[in-house]
Amino acid sequence: MVVATFDSSVTGPAHSIELAPNCSLTPATARVFVGSLAFLTLGIATVFALQGYWPIAACAGLEIALLCWAVGASMRAGRERELILITDDGVEVVRRGTSRTTRLVFARHWATVTLHDPPNALHPARLTIESHGRACEVGRFLTEDERRGLAASLRRLVGKPSESPALTSDST
């Protein structure tokens, strides 16, 4: 999901683009999902365990534990955010995860936006902002269409090396 806004709180004109993954589960719906599957799975396992097939109960418990881990990992990944701030002087990428925040700054005048083609059809394209031998991949969790749209917007805002277009509020 891409949200583009014009930010006038920074000295001079600036554009900020916030990237966030699409998350279909809220914490409440995740609890309902896991709880209902656990109830159903453990209910069936209990019926078989009472008939003497007790290993099924252990496997069912393992399945529920694995499901809880997978849903938790998905929920943690859904809290990841990327903020791209483009000013007259620079391009700043702030990546906020669950445990840490990283910040990279590139000189806008020398920065390039590159959409790398995937090595094969099973892999997604990679969108990077590059300058002076450093690169930062952005939008890893976006769909291909969203990534291509973001690349077009960033190319328009950042420009080519040695050619920084003027930032105005009507370019978003």
C-alpha atoms as a PDB file:
ATOM      1  CA  MET A   1       0.000   0.000   0.000  1.00  0.00           C
ATOM      2  CA  VAL A   2       1.434   3.371  -1.006  1.00  0.00           C
ATOM      3  CA  VAL A   3       0.362   6.655   0.550  1.00  0.00           C
ATOM      4  CA  ALA A   4       1.863   9.796  -0.984  1.00  0.00           C
ATOM      5  CA  THR A   5       1.580  13.142   0.747  1.00  0.00           C
ATOM      6  CA  PHE A   6       3.009  16.633   0.424  1.00  0.00           C
ATOM      7  CA  ASP A   7       4.862  17.693   3.567  1.00  0.00           C
ATOM      8  CA  SER A   8       5.484  21.391   4.184  1.00  0.00           C
ATOM      9  CA  SER A   9       6.861  20.931   7.726  1.00  0.00           C
ATOM     10  CA  VAL A  10      10.376  20.416   6.351  1.00  0.00           C
ATOM     11  CA  THR A  11      12.327  23.490   5.287  1.00  0.00           C
ATOM     12  CA  GLY A  12      11.393  24.012   1.655  1.00  0.00           C
ATOM     13  CA  PRO A  13       9.124  21.777  -0.358  1.00  0.00           C
ATOM     14  CA  ALA A  14       9.266  18.066   0.343  1.00  0.00           C
ATOM     15  CA  HIS A  15       7.385  14.945  -0.622  1.00  0.00           C
ATOM     16  CA  SER A  16       6.954  11.984   1.642  1.00  0.00           C
ATOM     17  CA  ILE A  17       5.830   8.548   0.562  1.00  0.00           C
ATOM     18  CA  GLU A  18       4.871   6.030   3.224  1.00  0.00           C
ATOM     19  CA  LEU A  19       4.923   2.357   2.324  1.00  0.00           C
ATOM     20  CA  ALA A  20       3.127  -0.295   4.349  1.00  0.00           C
ATOM     21  CA  PRO A  21       2.264  -3.917   3.553  1.00  0.00           C
ATOM     22  CA  ASN A  22      -1.356  -4.878   2.979  1.00  0.00           C
ATOM     23  CA  CYS A  23      -2.497  -6.820   6.031  1.00  0.00           C
ATOM     24  CA  SER A  24      -5.821  -8.604   5.896  1.00  0.00           C
ATOM     25  CA  LEU A  25      -5.741  -9.747   9.529  1.00  0.00           C
ATOM     26  CA  THR A  26      -6.209  -7.456  12.488  1.00  0.00           C
ATOM     27  CA  PRO A  27      -5.123  -8.734  15.925  1.00  0.00           C
ATOM     28  CA  ALA A  28      -8.759  -9.506  16.793  1.00  0.00           C
ATOM     29  CA  THR A  29      -9.443 -11.433  13.580  1.00  0.00           C
ATOM     30  CA  ALA A  30      -6.131 -13.296  13.975  1.00  0.00           C
ATOM     31  CA  ARG A  31      -7.219 -14.462  17.432  1.00  0.00           C
ATOM     32  CA  VAL A  32     -10.593 -15.594  16.065  1.00  0.00           C
ATOM     33  CA  PHE A  33      -8.900 -17.391  13.154  1.00  0.00           C
ATOM     34  CA  VAL A  34      -6.354 -19.226  15.312  1.00  0.00           C
ATOM     35  CA  GLY A  35      -8.896 -19.921  18.073  1.00  0.00           C
ATOM     36  CA  SER A  36     -11.472 -21.419  15.715  1.00  0.00           C
ATOM     37  CA  LEU A  37      -8.900 -23.634  13.990  1.00  0.00           C
ATOM     38  CA  ALA A  38      -7.457 -24.695  17.348  1.00  0.00           C
ATOM     39  CA  PHE A  39     -10.935 -25.559  18.686  1.00  0.00           C
ATOM     40  CA  LEU A  40     -11.794 -27.598  15.588  1.00  0.00           C
ATOM     41  CA  THR A  41      -8.411 -29.353  15.359  1.00  0.00           C
ATOM     42  CA  LEU A  42      -8.174 -30.177  19.049  1.00  0.00           C
ATOM     43  CA  GLY A  43     -11.815 -31.343  19.088  1.00  0.00           C
ATOM     44  CA  ILE A  44     -11.186 -33.834  16.297  1.00  0.00           C
ATOM     45  CA  ALA A  45      -7.871 -34.889  17.869  1.00  0.00           C
ATOM     46  CA  THR A  46      -9.616 -35.507  21.201  1.00  0.00           C
ATOM     47  CA  VAL A  47     -12.144 -37.835  19.540  1.00  0.00           C
ATOM     48  CA  PHE A  48      -9.324 -39.880  18.013  1.00  0.00           C
ATOM     49  CA  ALA A  49      -7.250 -39.793  21.230  1.00  0.00           C
ATOM     50  CA  LEU A  50     -10.184 -41.241  23.187  1.00  0.00           C
ATOM     51  CA  GLN A  51     -10.271 -44.124  20.690  1.00  0.00           C
ATOM     52  CA  GLY A  52      -6.632 -44.904  21.435  1.00  0.00           C
ATOM     53  CA  TYR A  53      -4.935 -42.935  18.666  1.00  0.00           C
ATOM     54  CA  TRP A  54      -3.135 -40.634  21.104  1.00  0.00           C
ATOM     55  CA  PRO A  55      -0.308 -39.571  18.713  1.00  0.00           C
ATOM     56  CA  ILE A  56      -2.908 -37.550  16.806  1.00  0.00           C
ATOM     57  CA  ALA A  57      -3.325 -35.262  19.833  1.00  0.00           C
ATOM     58  CA  ALA A  58       0.418 -34.544  19.896  1.00  0.00           C
ATOM     59  CA  CYS A  59       0.451 -33.794  16.162  1.00  0.00           C
ATOM     60  CA  ALA A  60      -2.586 -31.530  16.530  1.00  0.00           C
ATOM     61  CA  GLY A  61      -0.862 -29.598  19.321  1.00  0.00           C
ATOM     62  CA  LEU A  62       2.226 -29.221  17.139  1.00  0.00           C
ATOM     63  CA  GLU A  63       0.092 -27.991  14.232  1.00  0.00           C
ATOM     64  CA  ILE A  64      -1.596 -25.368  16.415  1.00  0.00           C
ATOM     65  CA  ALA A  65       1.781 -24.211  17.779  1.00  0.00           C
ATOM     66  CA  LEU A  66       3.133 -23.880  14.225  1.00  0.00           C
ATOM     67  CA  LEU A  67       0.010 -21.966  13.158  1.00  0.00           C
ATOM     68  CA  CYS A  68       0.398 -19.565  16.111  1.00  0.00           C
ATOM     69  CA  TRP A  69       4.041 -18.948  15.159  1.00  0.00           C
ATOM     70  CA  ALA A  70       3.180 -18.362  11.466  1.00  0.00           C
ATOM     71  CA  VAL A  71       0.317 -15.956  12.206  1.00  0.00           C
ATOM     72  CA  GLY A  72       2.502 -14.099  14.729  1.00  0.00           C
ATOM     73  CA  ALA A  73       5.325 -13.762  12.177  1.00  0.00           C
ATOM     74  CA  SER A  74       2.839 -12.477   9.604  1.00  0.00           C
ATOM     75  CA  MET A  75       1.441  -9.932  12.065  1.00  0.00           C
ATOM     76  CA  ARG A  76       4.966  -8.718  12.965  1.00  0.00           C
ATOM     77  CA  ALA A  77       5.860  -8.339   9.272  1.00  0.00           C
ATOM     78  CA  GLY A  78       2.665  -6.336   8.759  1.00  0.00           C
ATOM     79  CA  ARG A  79       3.899  -3.653  11.160  1.00  0.00           C
ATOM     80  CA  GLU A  80       6.911  -2.840   8.951  1.00  0.00           C
ATOM     81  CA  ARG A  81       6.912   0.675   7.466  1.00  0.00           C
ATOM     82  CA  GLU A  82       9.102   2.569   5.004  1.00  0.00           C
ATOM     83  CA  LEU A  83       9.081   6.349   4.699  1.00  0.00           C
ATOM     84  CA  ILE A  84      10.733   8.009   1.710  1.00  0.00           C
ATOM     85  CA  LEU A  85      11.265  11.748   2.187  1.00  0.00           C
ATOM     86  CA  ILE A  86      12.368  13.723  -0.874  1.00  0.00           C
ATOM     87  CA  THR A  87      13.611  17.282  -0.334  1.00  0.00           C
ATOM     88  CA  ASP A  88      15.536  19.704  -2.539  1.00  0.00           C
ATOM     89  CA  ASP A  89      18.814  18.405  -1.105  1.00  0.00           C
ATOM     90  CA  GLY A  90      18.298  14.718  -0.434  1.00  0.00           C
ATOM     91  CA  VAL A  91      16.379  11.508  -0.487  1.00  0.00           C
ATOM     92  CA  GLU A  92      15.931   9.936   2.945  1.00  0.00           C
ATOM     93  CA  VAL A  93      14.690   6.376   3.471  1.00  0.00           C
ATOM     94  CA  VAL A  94      13.540   5.498   6.991  1.00  0.00           C
ATOM     95  CA  ARG A  95      12.685   1.848   7.564  1.00  0.00           C
ATOM     96  CA  ARG A  96      10.784   1.029  10.762  1.00  0.00           C
ATOM     97  CA  GLY A  97      10.519  -2.597  11.829  1.00  0.00           C
ATOM     98  CA  THR A  98       9.378  -4.181  15.053  1.00  0.00           C
ATOM     99  CA  SER A  99      12.828  -4.148  16.638  1.00  0.00           C
ATOM    100  CA  ARG A 100      14.797  -1.355  14.969  1.00  0.00           C
ATOM    101  CA  THR A 101      14.739   1.697  12.748  1.00  0.00           C
ATOM    102  CA  THR A 102      17.265   2.313   9.969  1.00  0.00           C
ATOM    103  CA  ARG A 103      17.824   5.583   8.135  1.00  0.00           C
ATOM    104  CA  LEU A 104      19.696   6.141   4.861  1.00  0.00           C
ATOM    105  CA  VAL A 105      20.247   9.525   3.236  1.00  0.00           C
ATOM    106  CA  PHE A 106      21.239  10.065  -0.395  1.00  0.00           C
ATOM    107  CA  ALA A 107      22.173  13.326  -2.114  1.00  0.00           C
ATOM    108  CA  ARG A 108      19.206  13.967  -4.418  1.00  0.00           C
ATOM    109  CA  HIS A 109      21.375  15.507  -7.111  1.00  0.00           C
ATOM    110  CA  TRP A 110      23.260  12.202  -7.545  1.00  0.00           C
ATOM    111  CA  ALA A 111      20.568   9.674  -6.633  1.00  0.00           C
ATOM    112  CA  THR A 112      19.115   7.303  -9.204  1.00  0.00           C
ATOM    113  CA  VAL A 113      15.975   5.204  -9.005  1.00  0.00           C
ATOM    114  CA  THR A 114      16.417   1.790 -10.612  1.00  0.00           C
ATOM    115  CA  LEU A 115      13.861  -0.947 -11.168  1.00  0.00           C
ATOM    116  CA  HIS A 116      15.884  -4.150 -11.599  1.00  0.00           C
ATOM    117  CA  ASP A 117      14.246  -6.857 -13.689  1.00  0.00           C
ATOM    118  CA  PRO A 118      13.721 -10.157 -11.883  1.00  0.00           C
ATOM    119  CA  PRO A 119      16.158 -13.001 -12.633  1.00  0.00           C
ATOM    120  CA  ASN A 120      13.191 -15.223 -13.561  1.00  0.00           C
ATOM    121  CA  ALA A 121       9.406 -15.158 -13.556  1.00  0.00           C
ATOM    122  CA  LEU A 122       9.132 -16.499 -10.004  1.00  0.00           C
ATOM    123  CA  HIS A 123      11.002 -13.573  -8.415  1.00  0.00           C
ATOM    124  CA  PRO A 124       9.763  -9.982  -8.049  1.00  0.00           C
ATOM    125  CA  ALA A 125      11.494  -6.961  -9.520  1.00  0.00           C
ATOM    126  CA  ARG A 126      13.724  -4.960  -7.151  1.00  0.00           C
ATOM    127  CA  LEU A 127      13.341  -1.191  -6.731  1.00  0.00           C
ATOM    128  CA  THR A 128      16.450   0.566  -5.450  1.00  0.00           C
ATOM    129  CA  ILE A 129      17.593   4.097  -4.753  1.00  0.00           C
ATOM    130  CA  GLU A 130      21.313   4.350  -5.475  1.00  0.00           C
ATOM    131  CA  SER A 131      24.046   6.934  -5.083  1.00  0.00           C
ATOM    132  CA  HIS A 132      27.840   6.846  -4.745  1.00  0.00           C
ATOM    133  CA  GLY A 133      28.071   3.048  -4.583  1.00  0.00           C
ATOM    134  CA  ARG A 134      25.350   2.704  -1.934  1.00  0.00           C
ATOM    135  CA  ALA A 135      21.929   1.237  -2.639  1.00  0.00           C
ATOM    136  CA  CYS A 136      18.728   0.845  -0.669  1.00  0.00           C
ATOM    137  CA  GLU A 137      15.940  -1.482  -1.774  1.00  0.00           C
ATOM    138  CA  VAL A 138      12.468  -0.066  -1.126  1.00  0.00           C
ATOM    139  CA  GLY A 139       9.013  -1.558  -1.422  1.00  0.00           C
ATOM    140  CA  ARG A 140       9.994  -5.217  -0.996  1.00  0.00           C
ATOM    141  CA  PHE A 141       6.478  -6.063   0.205  1.00  0.00           C
ATOM    142  CA  LEU A 142       4.624  -4.259  -2.606  1.00  0.00           C
ATOM    143  CA  THR A 143       2.938  -5.975  -5.541  1.00  0.00           C
ATOM    144  CA  GLU A 144       4.570  -5.690  -8.966  1.00  0.00           C
ATOM    145  CA  ASP A 145       2.070  -3.045 -10.128  1.00  0.00           C
ATOM    146  CA  GLU A 146       2.524  -1.001  -6.944  1.00  0.00           C
ATOM    147  CA  ARG A 147       6.320  -1.286  -7.244  1.00  0.00           C
ATOM    148  CA  ARG A 148       6.278  -0.094 -10.871  1.00  0.00           C
ATOM    149  CA  GLY A 149       3.985   2.819  -9.963  1.00  0.00           C
ATOM    150  CA  LEU A 150       6.272   3.765  -7.080  1.00  0.00           C
ATOM    151  CA  ALA A 151       9.278   3.609  -9.402  1.00  0.00           C
ATOM    152  CA  ALA A 152       7.595   6.012 -11.840  1.00  0.00           C
ATOM    153  CA  SER A 153       6.706   8.429  -9.017  1.00  0.00           C
ATOM    154  CA  LEU A 154      10.201   8.312  -7.538  1.00  0.00           C
ATOM    155  CA  ARG A 155      11.841   8.841 -10.948  1.00  0.00           C
ATOM    156  CA  ARG A 156       9.645  11.896 -11.486  1.00  0.00           C
ATOM    157  CA  LEU A 157      10.432  13.326  -8.031  1.00  0.00           C
ATOM    158  CA  VAL A 158      14.123  12.432  -7.794  1.00  0.00           C
ATOM    159  CA  GLY A 159      15.037  12.958 -11.440  1.00  0.00           C
ATOM    160  CA  LYS A 160      18.150  11.726 -13.178  1.00  0.00           C
ATOM    161  CA  PRO A 161      21.679  12.274 -11.822  1.00  0.00           C
ATOM    162  CA  SER A 162      22.709  15.913 -12.166  1.00  0.00           C
ATOM    163  CA  GLU A 163      19.091  16.857 -12.913  1.00  0.00           C
ATOM    164  CA  SER A 164      16.902  17.448  -9.839  1.00  0.00           C
ATOM    165  CA  PRO A 165      13.423  18.626 -10.844  1.00  0.00           C
ATOM    166  CA  ALA A 166      11.740  21.291  -8.745  1.00  0.00           C
ATOM    167  CA  LEU A 167       9.504  19.943  -5.995  1.00  0.00           C
ATOM    168  CA  THR A 168       6.003  21.336  -6.021  1.00  0.00           C
ATOM    169  CA  SER A 169       2.828  20.212  -4.263  1.00  0.00           C
ATOM    170  CA  ASP A 170       1.089  19.377  -7.559  1.00  0.00           C
ATOM    171  CA  SER A 171       3.538  16.605  -8.587  1.00  0.00           C
ATOM    172  CA  THR A 172       2.034  13.891  -6.360  1.00  0.00           C
END
